Amino acid sequence: MGEASHGTHEFYTEKNHIIKYLVTNSQYKTIGFEFGYSAMAPINTYLLTGKGDLKQLMKPLRLFNTSEIYDLFEWVKTYNASKPLKDKVTLFGFDTNYIKSDVDASANFCSAYLIKNVSHYTNGQAAIPVLKKIATPDFPIYELSDEETEIISKLNAEVKLKGTATIKDHNEFKKYVSLLYQSTLVSNPLARDKFMSENLIDFQQENKNKTIIWGHNIHFAKDTNMPKAEGMGYHLKQKYGNEYYAIGFDTYKGNVTVLEGNNYVQQSFEALPKSYSALFAEAKFPNFFISFDSSEESPFYNANGNITNIYSSWTNAIALPMKPGIDFDALIFIRETTPSIILK
């Protein structure tokens, strides 16, 4: 389930309704968010065990640190309380670790792990000082030298080749090393979506559960039309075919929460005239679900138009192209929307 922005109350509440239904009635057991694995892992522990302070755990989530998502997480925790482990709902982040706190968490975990298990990895000894350097306050990972970057790359390749090792916590170590390797390439604008698709596929293949993913429309579009590149949705379509069902979320006008540096601000907007968003706003019903028939008989099929697009930080460009039935299988439209509620 995509979204035209990360700061819209109605998108979040509608997704909550859908997720609760899919979990309760359709055996969906895994929820993935467009955020780093490191930030989501302790929240998943809370959902499974009740351990921790959810409001504190959600603070790093930036635009996902909202009252609406807090309510969803509390519902999942309550749902899980009465279920055996195999039936509990799990949460994960599939994004690359590009936020400093997530990068540091990966580096610290890997460093501590290697100090205990360095003899098992050919590239382990060389990696420890690099990992400690990465975790230094205010040190950006893109300032690693070519030699240091190569050490992380070699360690990642070595760990992947070991498969599922018998060493305690090896699989968790494997995940964190992979995320660190991805972080060294995050300045490449084409790398992030490919890595996100790989992270999701790895997680889904491990647990084999029916999975819901939550993120921005631009990442979930199934073709290259919207992102102008092979986005996450493109790679997922190649892997899963028709088993990957993408729903976009759109709106015509309203107010939205966006980031201004580290501050949350509200911004008003109205979609472009002659866009799909403007066309849908003329419908009798203010809010609706529309399924796109992916056949040439459909009046929408492959007909390029714009829908609303708002990034995490405000820009005056608020539209992206969308081909119904090509980019998305369906769309949920909410004519007028309000800002998400940042958690206090």
Protein backbone atom coordinates (compact mmCIF):
# COMPACT_ATOMS: atom_id res chain seq x y z
CA MET A 1 0.00 0.00 0.00
CA GLY A 2 1.55 3.22 -1.22
CA GLU A 3 0.81 6.82 -0.27
CA ALA A 4 1.04 10.19 -1.97
CA SER A 5 2.72 11.54 1.17
CA HIS A 6 4.17 10.30 4.44
CA GLY A 7 2.15 12.88 6.38
CA THR A 8 -1.56 12.30 5.69
CA HIS A 9 -4.00 11.35 8.45
CA GLU A 10 -6.62 9.75 6.19
CA PHE A 11 -4.09 7.56 4.37
CA TYR A 12 -2.91 6.23 7.71
CA THR A 13 -6.35 5.56 9.18
CA GLU A 14 -7.53 3.85 5.99
CA LYS A 15 -4.44 1.65 5.94
CA ASN A 16 -5.08 0.76 9.58
CA HIS A 17 -8.57 -0.48 8.67
CA ILE A 18 -7.25 -2.55 5.76
CA ILE A 19 -4.37 -4.05 7.74
CA LYS A 20 -6.63 -5.05 10.62
CA TYR A 21 -8.98 -6.75 8.16
CA LEU A 22 -6.19 -8.58 6.31
CA VAL A 23 -4.61 -9.79 9.55
CA THR A 24 -7.91 -10.88 11.07
CA ASN A 25 -9.52 -12.42 7.98
CA SER A 26 -6.90 -13.20 5.35
CA GLN A 27 -3.92 -14.65 7.25
CA TYR A 28 -1.49 -11.80 6.64
CA LYS A 29 1.20 -12.10 9.31
CA THR A 30 3.96 -9.70 8.31
CA ILE A 31 4.02 -5.90 7.95
CA GLY A 32 6.95 -4.08 6.38
CA PHE A 33 7.60 -0.33 6.59
CA GLU A 34 9.69 1.93 4.39
CA PHE A 35 12.13 2.53 7.22
CA GLY A 36 15.39 1.10 8.47
CA TYR A 37 15.50 -2.38 9.96
CA SER A 38 17.40 -1.14 13.02
CA ALA A 39 14.61 1.20 14.13
CA MET A 40 11.82 -1.30 13.50
CA ALA A 41 13.44 -4.33 15.19
CA PRO A 42 12.86 -3.16 18.81
CA ILE A 43 9.29 -2.16 17.94
CA ASN A 44 8.75 -5.68 16.63
CA THR A 45 10.02 -7.03 19.97
CA TYR A 46 7.44 -4.81 21.70
CA LEU A 47 4.65 -6.13 19.47
CA LEU A 48 5.64 -9.72 20.20
CA THR A 49 6.39 -9.44 23.92
CA GLY A 50 5.09 -6.10 25.23
CA LYS A 51 8.60 -5.20 26.44
CA GLY A 52 9.61 -1.54 26.12
CA ASP A 53 8.02 1.90 25.87
CA LEU A 54 6.38 2.20 22.46
CA LYS A 55 6.38 6.00 22.40
CA GLN A 56 10.11 6.05 23.06
CA LEU A 57 10.75 3.33 20.48
CA MET A 58 8.83 5.28 17.83
CA LYS A 59 10.72 8.56 18.27
CA PRO A 60 13.32 7.74 15.55
CA LEU A 61 10.58 7.09 12.96
CA ARG A 62 10.35 10.73 11.84
CA LEU A 63 7.17 11.11 9.73
CA PHE A 64 6.02 7.64 10.83
CA ASN A 65 6.14 8.77 14.47
CA THR A 66 2.40 9.43 14.49
CA SER A 67 -0.63 8.80 16.64
CA GLU A 68 -2.23 6.80 13.82
CA ILE A 69 0.68 4.36 13.52
CA TYR A 70 0.98 4.16 17.31
CA ASP A 71 -2.67 3.03 17.40
CA LEU A 72 -1.93 0.36 14.77
CA PHE A 73 1.07 -0.95 16.69
CA GLU A 74 -0.93 -1.12 19.92
CA TRP A 75 -3.66 -3.05 18.10
CA VAL A 76 -1.08 -5.53 16.78
CA LYS A 77 0.38 -6.01 20.27
CA THR A 78 -3.11 -6.73 21.65
CA TYR A 79 -3.82 -9.11 18.77
CA ASN A 80 -0.54 -10.95 19.35
CA ALA A 81 -1.12 -11.35 23.10
CA SER A 82 -3.63 -14.15 22.61
CA LYS A 83 -1.83 -15.92 19.75
CA PRO A 84 0.81 -18.67 19.72
CA LEU A 85 4.19 -17.59 18.34
CA LYS A 86 3.55 -19.02 14.88
CA ASP A 87 0.41 -16.91 14.49
CA LYS A 88 1.75 -13.62 15.80
CA VAL A 89 2.12 -10.64 13.47
CA THR A 90 5.72 -9.48 12.95
CA LEU A 91 7.01 -6.08 11.87
CA PHE A 92 10.17 -5.21 9.95
CA GLY A 93 11.81 -2.30 8.16
CA PHE A 94 12.88 -2.97 4.58
CA ASP A 95 14.62 0.32 3.86
CA THR A 96 18.38 0.76 3.68
CA ASN A 97 20.05 2.27 6.74
CA TYR A 98 20.68 5.82 5.58
CA ILE A 99 19.69 7.56 8.84
CA LYS A 100 22.73 8.00 11.10
CA SER A 101 21.15 6.32 14.16
CA ASP A 102 20.29 3.22 12.09
CA VAL A 103 23.76 3.08 10.53
CA ASP A 104 25.30 3.35 14.01
CA ALA A 105 23.08 0.57 15.35
CA SER A 106 24.21 -1.74 12.54
CA ALA A 107 27.88 -0.85 13.04
CA ASN A 108 27.73 -1.32 16.81
CA PHE A 109 25.99 -4.70 16.51
CA CYS A 110 28.49 -5.94 13.91
CA SER A 111 31.48 -4.68 15.88
CA ALA A 112 30.36 -6.39 19.10
CA TYR A 113 29.56 -9.59 17.20
CA LEU A 114 32.93 -9.71 15.44
CA ILE A 115 34.89 -9.11 18.65
CA LYS A 116 33.33 -12.34 19.96
CA ASN A 117 33.52 -14.30 16.70
CA VAL A 118 36.36 -12.76 14.71
CA SER A 119 38.14 -16.07 14.11
CA HIS A 120 35.20 -17.29 12.00
CA TYR A 121 35.54 -14.56 9.36
CA THR A 122 38.54 -13.92 7.12
CA ASN A 123 37.69 -10.21 6.82
CA GLY A 124 36.56 -9.80 10.41
CA GLN A 125 39.72 -8.39 11.98
CA ALA A 126 40.11 -5.70 9.32
CA ALA A 127 36.43 -4.76 9.61
CA ILE A 128 36.36 -4.03 13.37
CA PRO A 129 38.18 -0.63 13.26
CA VAL A 130 36.10 0.39 10.23
CA LEU A 131 32.88 -0.45 12.07
CA LYS A 132 34.00 1.53 15.10
CA LYS A 133 34.82 4.49 12.85
CA ILE A 134 31.37 4.35 11.25
CA ALA A 135 29.72 4.48 14.69
CA THR A 136 31.68 7.59 15.70
CA PRO A 137 29.27 10.49 16.40
CA ASP A 138 28.71 12.74 13.37
CA PHE A 139 30.77 10.51 11.05
CA PRO A 140 28.91 10.09 7.70
CA ILE A 141 29.36 6.68 6.13
CA TYR A 142 29.97 8.17 2.68
CA GLU A 143 33.26 9.59 3.98
CA LEU A 144 34.80 6.12 4.25
CA SER A 145 37.86 5.70 2.08
CA ASP A 146 37.75 3.37 -0.92
CA GLU A 147 39.83 0.87 1.05
CA GLU A 148 37.45 0.97 4.04
CA THR A 149 34.42 0.63 1.79
CA GLU A 150 36.05 -2.39 0.15
CA ILE A 151 36.55 -4.04 3.56
CA ILE A 152 32.81 -3.76 4.27
CA SER A 153 32.06 -5.07 0.78
CA LYS A 154 34.33 -8.10 1.24
CA LEU A 155 32.88 -8.85 4.67
CA ASN A 156 29.36 -8.70 3.26
CA ALA A 157 30.25 -11.06 0.41
CA GLU A 158 31.93 -13.49 2.80
CA VAL A 159 29.01 -13.54 5.23
CA LYS A 160 26.51 -14.13 2.42
CA LEU A 161 28.51 -17.13 1.20
CA LYS A 162 28.40 -18.74 4.63
CA GLY A 163 24.62 -19.06 4.34
CA THR A 164 22.94 -20.05 7.58
CA ALA A 165 25.82 -20.64 9.94
CA THR A 166 25.68 -22.45 13.27
CA ILE A 167 27.28 -19.49 15.06
CA LYS A 168 24.86 -17.77 17.45
CA ASP A 169 23.30 -14.61 15.96
CA HIS A 170 24.96 -15.20 12.56
CA ASN A 171 21.73 -14.53 10.65
CA GLU A 172 21.20 -11.25 12.50
CA PHE A 173 24.83 -10.35 11.83
CA LYS A 174 24.33 -11.18 8.16
CA LYS A 175 21.38 -8.79 7.98
CA TYR A 176 23.23 -5.92 9.67
CA VAL A 177 26.35 -6.35 7.52
CA SER A 178 24.19 -6.27 4.40
CA LEU A 179 22.51 -3.06 5.59
CA LEU A 180 25.89 -1.46 6.26
CA TYR A 181 27.11 -2.43 2.81
CA GLN A 182 23.97 -0.90 1.32
CA SER A 183 24.61 2.29 3.29
CA THR A 184 28.00 2.72 1.61
CA LEU A 185 26.16 2.95 -1.73
CA VAL A 186 23.12 4.96 -0.64
CA SER A 187 24.43 8.08 -2.44
CA ASN A 188 23.64 6.20 -5.66
CA PRO A 189 19.99 7.17 -6.31
CA LEU A 190 19.32 3.90 -8.14
CA ALA A 191 20.71 1.66 -5.40
CA ARG A 192 18.15 2.34 -2.65
CA ASP A 193 15.08 0.87 -4.37
CA LYS A 194 16.93 -2.24 -5.53
CA PHE A 195 18.23 -2.82 -2.01
CA MET A 196 14.75 -2.27 -0.53
CA SER A 197 13.33 -4.93 -2.84
CA GLU A 198 16.13 -7.35 -1.91
CA ASN A 199 15.58 -6.72 1.81
CA LEU A 200 11.85 -7.36 1.47
CA ILE A 201 12.36 -10.49 -0.63
CA ASP A 202 14.92 -11.89 1.83
CA PHE A 203 12.60 -11.30 4.78
CA GLN A 204 9.53 -12.66 3.03
CA GLN A 205 11.37 -15.74 1.77
CA GLU A 206 12.58 -16.49 5.30
CA ASN A 207 9.15 -16.49 6.91
CA LYS A 208 6.98 -17.35 3.87
CA ASN A 209 4.15 -15.20 5.21
CA LYS A 210 1.67 -13.16 3.25
CA THR A 211 3.08 -9.67 3.62
CA ILE A 212 1.75 -6.10 3.67
CA ILE A 213 4.19 -3.31 2.83
CA TRP A 214 3.72 0.38 3.68
CA GLY A 215 5.59 3.17 1.90
CA HIS A 216 5.50 5.94 -0.68
CA ASN A 217 3.77 5.52 -4.04
CA ILE A 218 6.98 6.22 -5.95
CA HIS A 219 8.67 3.14 -4.48
CA PHE A 220 5.78 0.73 -5.07
CA ALA A 221 4.90 1.62 -8.69
CA LYS A 222 5.26 -1.55 -10.75
CA ASP A 223 6.72 0.06 -13.85
CA THR A 224 9.48 2.60 -14.53
CA ASN A 225 7.03 5.36 -15.52
CA MET A 226 6.61 7.02 -12.12
CA PRO A 227 10.15 6.83 -10.64
CA LYS A 228 11.84 7.12 -14.08
CA ALA A 229 13.97 4.15 -13.05
CA GLU A 230 13.66 0.52 -11.97
CA GLY A 231 12.07 1.18 -8.59
CA MET A 232 11.32 -1.21 -5.76
CA GLY A 233 7.92 -2.10 -7.23
CA TYR A 234 9.51 -2.93 -10.59
CA HIS A 235 11.87 -5.42 -8.95
CA LEU A 236 9.03 -6.93 -6.88
CA LYS A 237 6.93 -7.41 -10.01
CA GLN A 238 9.84 -9.26 -11.63
CA LYS A 239 10.08 -11.55 -8.59
CA TYR A 240 6.44 -12.12 -7.69
CA GLY A 241 4.47 -11.40 -10.87
CA ASN A 242 0.75 -11.15 -10.17
CA GLU A 243 1.32 -12.08 -6.51
CA TYR A 244 2.55 -8.51 -6.02
CA TYR A 245 -0.58 -6.33 -5.82
CA ALA A 246 0.09 -2.59 -5.60
CA ILE A 247 -2.46 -0.05 -4.35
CA GLY A 248 -1.66 3.65 -4.73
CA PHE A 249 -3.17 6.34 -2.48
CA ASP A 250 -4.12 9.73 -3.93
CA THR A 251 -5.76 12.99 -2.84
CA TYR A 252 -6.85 16.25 -4.45
CA LYS A 253 -6.31 18.92 -1.81
CA GLY A 254 -5.79 19.56 1.88
CA ASN A 255 -2.95 19.89 4.36
CA VAL A 256 -0.03 17.58 5.02
CA THR A 257 2.72 17.10 7.59
CA VAL A 258 6.24 17.45 6.14
CA LEU A 259 9.74 17.83 7.51
CA GLU A 260 11.60 21.11 7.63
CA GLY A 261 15.00 20.05 8.87
CA ASN A 262 14.22 18.19 12.10
CA ASN A 263 10.93 20.04 12.61
CA TYR A 264 7.42 19.02 11.62
CA VAL A 265 5.41 21.62 9.69
CA GLN A 266 2.04 21.64 7.96
CA GLN A 267 1.69 22.61 4.32
CA SER A 268 -1.45 23.19 2.24
CA PHE A 269 -1.72 21.93 -1.35
CA GLU A 270 -4.05 21.44 -4.29
CA ALA A 271 -3.44 19.05 -7.17
CA LEU A 272 -2.71 20.17 -10.69
CA PRO A 273 -5.66 20.86 -12.98
CA LYS A 274 -6.22 18.25 -15.70
CA SER A 275 -4.54 15.61 -13.52
CA TYR A 276 -6.06 12.29 -12.51
CA SER A 277 -6.37 13.75 -9.01
CA ALA A 278 -8.49 16.63 -10.35
CA LEU A 279 -10.58 14.23 -12.44
CA PHE A 280 -11.24 11.93 -9.48
CA ALA A 281 -12.19 14.96 -7.36
CA GLU A 282 -15.19 15.52 -9.68
CA ALA A 283 -16.66 12.11 -8.78
CA LYS A 284 -19.95 11.93 -6.86
CA PHE A 285 -18.27 10.24 -3.92
CA PRO A 286 -15.45 12.06 -2.09
CA ASN A 287 -13.59 8.85 -1.20
CA PHE A 288 -13.44 5.61 -3.15
CA PHE A 289 -11.49 2.54 -4.22
CA ILE A 290 -10.97 2.05 -7.94
CA SER A 291 -9.61 -1.15 -9.43
CA PHE A 292 -7.74 -0.73 -12.71
CA ASP A 293 -8.53 -3.37 -15.29
CA SER A 294 -5.18 -4.20 -16.86
CA SER A 295 -6.59 -4.73 -20.30
CA GLU A 296 -6.81 -2.52 -23.35
CA GLU A 297 -10.61 -2.42 -22.95
CA SER A 298 -10.26 -0.23 -19.87
CA PRO A 299 -10.54 3.54 -20.51
CA PHE A 300 -7.72 4.09 -18.01
CA TYR A 301 -5.33 1.38 -19.12
CA ASN A 302 -1.89 2.76 -20.04
CA ALA A 303 -3.27 6.31 -20.23
CA ASN A 304 -0.61 8.47 -18.65
CA GLY A 305 -1.70 11.18 -16.22
CA ASN A 306 -0.59 12.78 -12.97
CA ILE A 307 -1.48 12.02 -9.38
CA THR A 308 -0.53 13.96 -6.28
CA ASN A 309 2.99 13.49 -4.94
CA ILE A 310 4.43 15.08 -1.79
CA TYR A 311 7.90 14.20 -0.57
CA SER A 312 9.07 14.14 3.05
CA SER A 313 10.32 17.72 2.68
CA TRP A 314 8.10 20.20 0.87
CA THR A 315 8.70 21.08 -2.77
CA ASN A 316 6.43 22.99 -5.14
CA ALA A 317 6.45 20.07 -7.57
CA ILE A 318 3.49 18.03 -6.26
CA ALA A 319 2.72 15.57 -9.06
CA LEU A 320 4.10 12.38 -10.56
CA PRO A 321 2.98 10.51 -13.69
CA MET A 322 0.92 7.35 -13.25
CA LYS A 323 -0.39 4.78 -15.73
CA PRO A 324 -3.41 2.95 -14.26
CA GLY A 325 -3.09 -0.81 -14.50
CA ILE A 326 0.59 -0.46 -15.34
CA ASP A 327 1.97 1.29 -12.27
CA PHE A 328 -0.78 0.28 -9.83
CA ASP A 329 -3.44 -2.42 -9.75
CA ALA A 330 -5.81 -0.13 -7.85
CA LEU A 331 -6.03 3.24 -6.20
CA ILE A 332 -7.68 4.62 -3.07
CA PHE A 333 -8.71 8.25 -3.54
CA ILE A 334 -9.58 10.63 -0.70
CA ARG A 335 -10.67 14.01 -2.03
CA GLU A 336 -9.62 16.22 0.88
CA THR A 337 -7.05 15.22 3.46
CA THR A 338 -5.62 16.50 6.73
CA PRO A 339 -2.17 16.29 8.35
CA SER A 340 -1.02 13.21 10.21
CA ILE A 341 -0.84 13.62 13.99
CA ILE A 342 2.73 13.61 15.26
CA LEU A 343 3.04 11.56 18.44
CA LYS A 344 3.70 13.58 21.59
